[in-house]
Amino acid sequence: MSKVERLPRRVYEPELARLQAELVKLQEWVRSEGARVVVVFEGRDAAGKGSTIKRVTEYLNPRVARIAALPVPTDRERTQWYFQRYVEHLPAAGEIVLFDRSWYNRAGVEHVMGFCSKQEYTRFLHQCPIFERLLVEDGLLLRKYWFSVSDAEQERRFRSRLATRRAGGSCRRWTWSPSPAGRTTPAPRTRCSCTPTSPRRPGTSWTATTSGARGST
């Protein structure tokens, strides 16, 4: 992966402000039109998902835009249809939901770390495009973003977090986990392979972004 140049602050900050203003306009459109918007943020650990979500939602109305970051499933949820607990967080009219990780956990972390069986993984690959097609056909606007980062940069960010933790820093300790899942997350092609990309099914393909500017969660 080629190195991504960091944007100069004099370019980054005005552009961020402009885009955040556009997001406020989008929010008003969603509310006035009664649209339902789902944005999925996926990718490797330390690739910038959390910081991007923070910047996206900074000036949005929390009554319109909310973040869904689901914890580890409960024993009861493990007996349910896999997508069921995500369905409960889908937006109503005039709402935007941003998923900080999503149902794609099964194609990535769960599969790599052995948290699901081969049968469950195969079933997910079959059901995922059907599930997303149903969402889009029902009128939801679905957008998915994959965040990537080079192995070297990811290692640097992990070491920075660990050093902060050892030094007693508390601001970002919650972002660190000893689990190696982030290091072994499959490449985007593994996750995209089960996703329909036909022009007749808008909103189901991925937009990939490589972290090299600001943000590291």
Protein backbone atom coordinates (compact mmCIF):
# COMPACT_ATOMS: atom_id res chain seq x y z
CA MET A 1 0.00 0.00 0.00
CA SER A 2 1.50 3.34 -1.04
CA LYS A 3 1.94 6.02 1.57
CA VAL A 4 -0.85 8.58 1.74
CA GLU A 5 0.27 12.17 2.11
CA ARG A 6 -1.03 14.05 5.12
CA LEU A 7 -3.08 17.09 4.15
CA PRO A 8 -1.59 20.42 5.24
CA ARG A 9 -3.63 21.97 8.05
CA ARG A 10 -4.28 25.08 5.95
CA VAL A 11 -6.04 22.84 3.41
CA TYR A 12 -7.58 20.30 5.79
CA GLU A 13 -9.40 22.63 8.18
CA PRO A 14 -11.26 24.78 5.59
CA GLU A 15 -12.22 21.66 3.64
CA LEU A 16 -13.47 19.94 6.80
CA ALA A 17 -15.58 22.99 7.67
CA ARG A 18 -17.04 23.06 4.15
CA LEU A 19 -17.94 19.38 4.22
CA GLN A 20 -19.46 19.63 7.70
CA ALA A 21 -21.66 22.47 6.45
CA GLU A 22 -22.79 20.24 3.58
CA LEU A 23 -23.62 17.49 6.08
CA VAL A 24 -25.88 19.89 7.97
CA LYS A 25 -27.69 20.60 4.68
CA LEU A 26 -27.98 16.86 4.08
CA GLN A 27 -29.42 16.41 7.55
CA GLU A 28 -32.11 19.00 6.85
CA TRP A 29 -32.95 17.27 3.57
CA VAL A 30 -33.24 13.91 5.34
CA ARG A 31 -35.56 15.41 7.93
CA SER A 32 -37.74 17.36 5.49
CA GLU A 33 -38.04 14.48 3.00
CA GLY A 34 -38.49 11.76 5.60
CA ALA A 35 -35.55 9.85 4.17
CA ARG A 36 -33.93 6.93 5.98
CA VAL A 37 -30.15 6.82 5.76
CA VAL A 38 -27.76 4.08 6.91
CA VAL A 39 -24.01 4.65 6.77
CA VAL A 40 -21.72 1.70 7.53
CA PHE A 41 -18.16 2.36 8.70
CA GLU A 42 -15.95 -0.71 8.47
CA GLY A 43 -12.25 -1.43 8.17
CA ARG A 44 -9.09 -2.30 10.01
CA ASP A 45 -8.47 -1.23 13.59
CA ALA A 46 -6.77 2.18 13.89
CA ALA A 47 -7.74 3.10 10.31
CA GLY A 48 -9.74 6.19 11.27
CA LYS A 49 -13.36 5.03 11.59
CA GLY A 50 -14.06 6.53 15.00
CA SER A 51 -12.44 9.88 14.33
CA THR A 52 -14.25 10.16 10.99
CA ILE A 53 -17.61 9.45 12.65
CA LYS A 54 -16.80 12.11 15.25
CA ARG A 55 -16.18 14.69 12.53
CA VAL A 56 -19.25 13.64 10.55
CA THR A 57 -21.59 14.01 13.55
CA GLU A 58 -19.94 17.02 15.20
CA TYR A 59 -22.57 19.53 14.07
CA LEU A 60 -25.49 17.20 13.39
CA ASN A 61 -28.64 17.08 15.50
CA PRO A 62 -28.52 13.94 17.69
CA ARG A 63 -32.29 13.65 17.27
CA VAL A 64 -31.70 13.10 13.56
CA ALA A 65 -28.28 11.43 13.39
CA ARG A 66 -27.20 8.75 15.84
CA ILE A 67 -24.37 6.25 16.13
CA ALA A 68 -24.93 2.52 16.50
CA ALA A 69 -21.89 0.78 18.01
CA LEU A 70 -23.13 -2.59 19.17
CA PRO A 71 -21.31 -4.52 21.90
CA VAL A 72 -20.57 -8.23 21.90
CA PRO A 73 -23.87 -10.11 21.40
CA THR A 74 -25.58 -11.46 24.50
CA ASP A 75 -26.34 -15.15 24.97
CA ARG A 76 -29.92 -14.43 23.89
CA GLU A 77 -28.84 -12.53 20.78
CA ARG A 78 -26.60 -15.41 19.77
CA THR A 79 -29.71 -17.58 19.41
CA GLN A 80 -31.44 -15.06 17.12
CA TRP A 81 -31.16 -14.53 13.39
CA TYR A 82 -27.75 -12.93 12.94
CA PHE A 83 -29.05 -9.68 11.40
CA GLN A 84 -31.85 -9.25 13.96
CA ARG A 85 -30.00 -7.07 16.45
CA TYR A 86 -28.92 -4.72 13.67
CA VAL A 87 -32.46 -4.39 12.35
CA GLU A 88 -33.50 -2.93 15.71
CA HIS A 89 -31.17 0.03 15.09
CA LEU A 90 -32.30 0.89 11.56
CA PRO A 91 -33.62 4.43 11.06
CA ALA A 92 -37.20 5.62 10.92
CA ALA A 93 -38.27 8.43 8.57
CA GLY A 94 -36.08 11.51 8.90
CA GLU A 95 -33.22 9.70 10.62
CA ILE A 96 -29.58 8.91 9.89
CA VAL A 97 -27.86 5.95 11.56
CA LEU A 98 -24.09 5.54 11.42
CA PHE A 99 -22.90 2.02 12.20
CA ASP A 100 -19.48 1.98 13.86
CA ARG A 101 -18.77 -1.54 12.65
CA SER A 102 -21.74 -3.55 11.53
CA TRP A 103 -23.06 -6.93 10.43
CA TYR A 104 -19.79 -7.31 8.51
CA ASN A 105 -18.16 -8.37 11.77
CA ARG A 106 -19.11 -11.88 10.76
CA ALA A 107 -17.12 -11.64 7.53
CA GLY A 108 -14.11 -10.19 9.29
CA VAL A 109 -13.30 -10.44 12.98
CA GLU A 110 -15.67 -13.31 13.81
CA HIS A 111 -14.46 -15.42 10.90
CA VAL A 112 -10.76 -14.71 11.40
CA MET A 113 -10.81 -15.18 15.18
CA GLY A 114 -12.96 -18.30 15.07
CA PHE A 115 -15.96 -16.70 16.79
CA CYS A 116 -18.34 -18.22 14.23
CA SER A 117 -18.51 -21.59 12.54
CA LYS A 118 -17.76 -22.16 8.87
CA GLN A 119 -21.48 -22.81 8.34
CA GLU A 120 -22.41 -19.49 9.96
CA TYR A 121 -19.82 -17.69 7.86
CA THR A 122 -21.06 -19.29 4.63
CA ARG A 123 -24.65 -18.49 5.55
CA PHE A 124 -23.68 -14.85 6.09
CA LEU A 125 -22.09 -14.62 2.65
CA HIS A 126 -25.34 -15.89 1.17
CA GLN A 127 -27.73 -13.79 3.24
CA CYS A 128 -25.88 -10.46 3.35
CA PRO A 129 -26.62 -9.30 -0.23
CA ILE A 130 -30.23 -10.39 0.21
CA PHE A 131 -30.52 -8.46 3.48
CA GLU A 132 -29.03 -5.31 1.97
CA ARG A 133 -31.16 -5.62 -1.15
CA LEU A 134 -34.27 -5.72 1.04
CA LEU A 135 -33.16 -2.55 2.81
CA VAL A 136 -32.58 -0.69 -0.45
CA GLU A 137 -35.80 -1.95 -2.05
CA ASP A 138 -37.69 -0.71 1.01
CA GLY A 139 -36.33 2.78 0.40
CA LEU A 140 -33.35 3.02 2.75
CA LEU A 141 -30.32 4.89 1.46
CA LEU A 142 -27.37 2.62 2.26
CA ARG A 143 -23.78 3.81 2.05
CA LYS A 144 -20.76 1.75 3.11
CA TYR A 145 -17.22 2.92 3.73
CA TRP A 146 -14.17 0.70 4.17
CA PHE A 147 -11.21 2.28 6.01
CA SER A 148 -7.78 0.86 5.39
CA VAL A 149 -4.32 1.60 6.73
CA SER A 150 -0.90 0.15 5.98
CA ASP A 151 0.54 -2.50 8.30
CA ALA A 152 3.36 -0.16 9.29
CA GLU A 153 1.04 2.74 10.12
CA GLN A 154 -1.33 0.48 12.00
CA GLU A 155 1.58 -0.86 14.06
CA ARG A 156 2.73 2.68 14.81
CA ARG A 157 -0.74 3.67 16.02
CA PHE A 158 -1.08 0.54 18.15
CA ARG A 159 2.29 1.24 19.78
CA SER A 160 1.27 4.84 20.41
CA ARG A 161 -1.90 3.72 22.16
CA LEU A 162 -0.07 1.13 24.22
CA ALA A 163 2.54 3.69 25.26
CA THR A 164 -0.22 6.07 26.33
CA ARG A 165 -1.85 3.31 28.31
CA ARG A 166 1.37 2.37 30.08
CA ALA A 167 2.02 6.01 30.88
CA GLY A 168 -1.34 6.21 32.62
CA GLY A 169 -3.07 8.22 29.94
CA SER A 170 -6.83 7.86 30.08
CA CYS A 171 -8.25 9.79 27.14
CA ARG A 172 -7.95 6.98 24.60
CA ARG A 173 -7.35 3.88 26.69
CA TRP A 174 -10.77 2.56 25.77
CA THR A 175 -9.70 2.25 22.12
CA TRP A 176 -6.99 -0.30 22.93
CA SER A 177 -7.56 -4.01 23.20
CA PRO A 178 -4.96 -6.80 23.32
CA SER A 179 -6.95 -8.72 20.70
CA PRO A 180 -5.01 -9.09 17.43
CA ALA A 181 -8.22 -8.99 15.39
CA GLY A 182 -7.42 -5.67 13.77
CA ARG A 183 -4.13 -6.98 12.48
CA THR A 184 -5.76 -9.97 10.83
CA THR A 185 -8.87 -8.37 9.39
CA PRO A 186 -9.31 -9.57 5.78
CA ALA A 187 -8.73 -7.22 2.89
CA PRO A 188 -11.79 -5.33 1.58
CA ARG A 189 -12.26 -7.77 -1.29
CA THR A 190 -13.24 -10.47 1.22
CA ARG A 191 -16.05 -8.34 2.56
CA CYS A 192 -17.13 -6.89 -0.75
CA SER A 193 -17.38 -10.25 -2.46
CA CYS A 194 -20.80 -10.92 -0.95
CA THR A 195 -22.21 -7.50 -1.77
CA PRO A 196 -24.32 -6.81 -4.87
CA THR A 197 -22.96 -3.98 -7.00
CA SER A 198 -25.45 -3.85 -9.85
CA PRO A 199 -26.49 -0.30 -10.89
CA ARG A 200 -30.06 -1.44 -10.27
CA ARG A 201 -29.20 -1.89 -6.61
CA PRO A 202 -27.85 1.51 -5.58
CA GLY A 203 -26.20 1.99 -2.24
CA THR A 204 -24.85 -1.52 -1.83
CA SER A 205 -21.27 -1.14 -3.07
CA TRP A 206 -18.30 -0.02 -0.97
CA THR A 207 -16.37 3.23 -0.96
CA ALA A 208 -12.78 2.54 0.12
CA THR A 209 -10.58 5.09 1.87
CA THR A 210 -6.97 4.82 2.98
CA SER A 211 -6.02 6.55 6.21
CA GLY A 212 -2.99 8.76 6.09
CA ALA A 213 -4.24 12.12 7.23
CA ARG A 214 -5.93 12.55 10.59
CA GLY A 215 -7.73 10.09 12.81
CA SER A 216 -6.79 6.67 14.01
CA THR A 217 -9.69 4.75 15.49
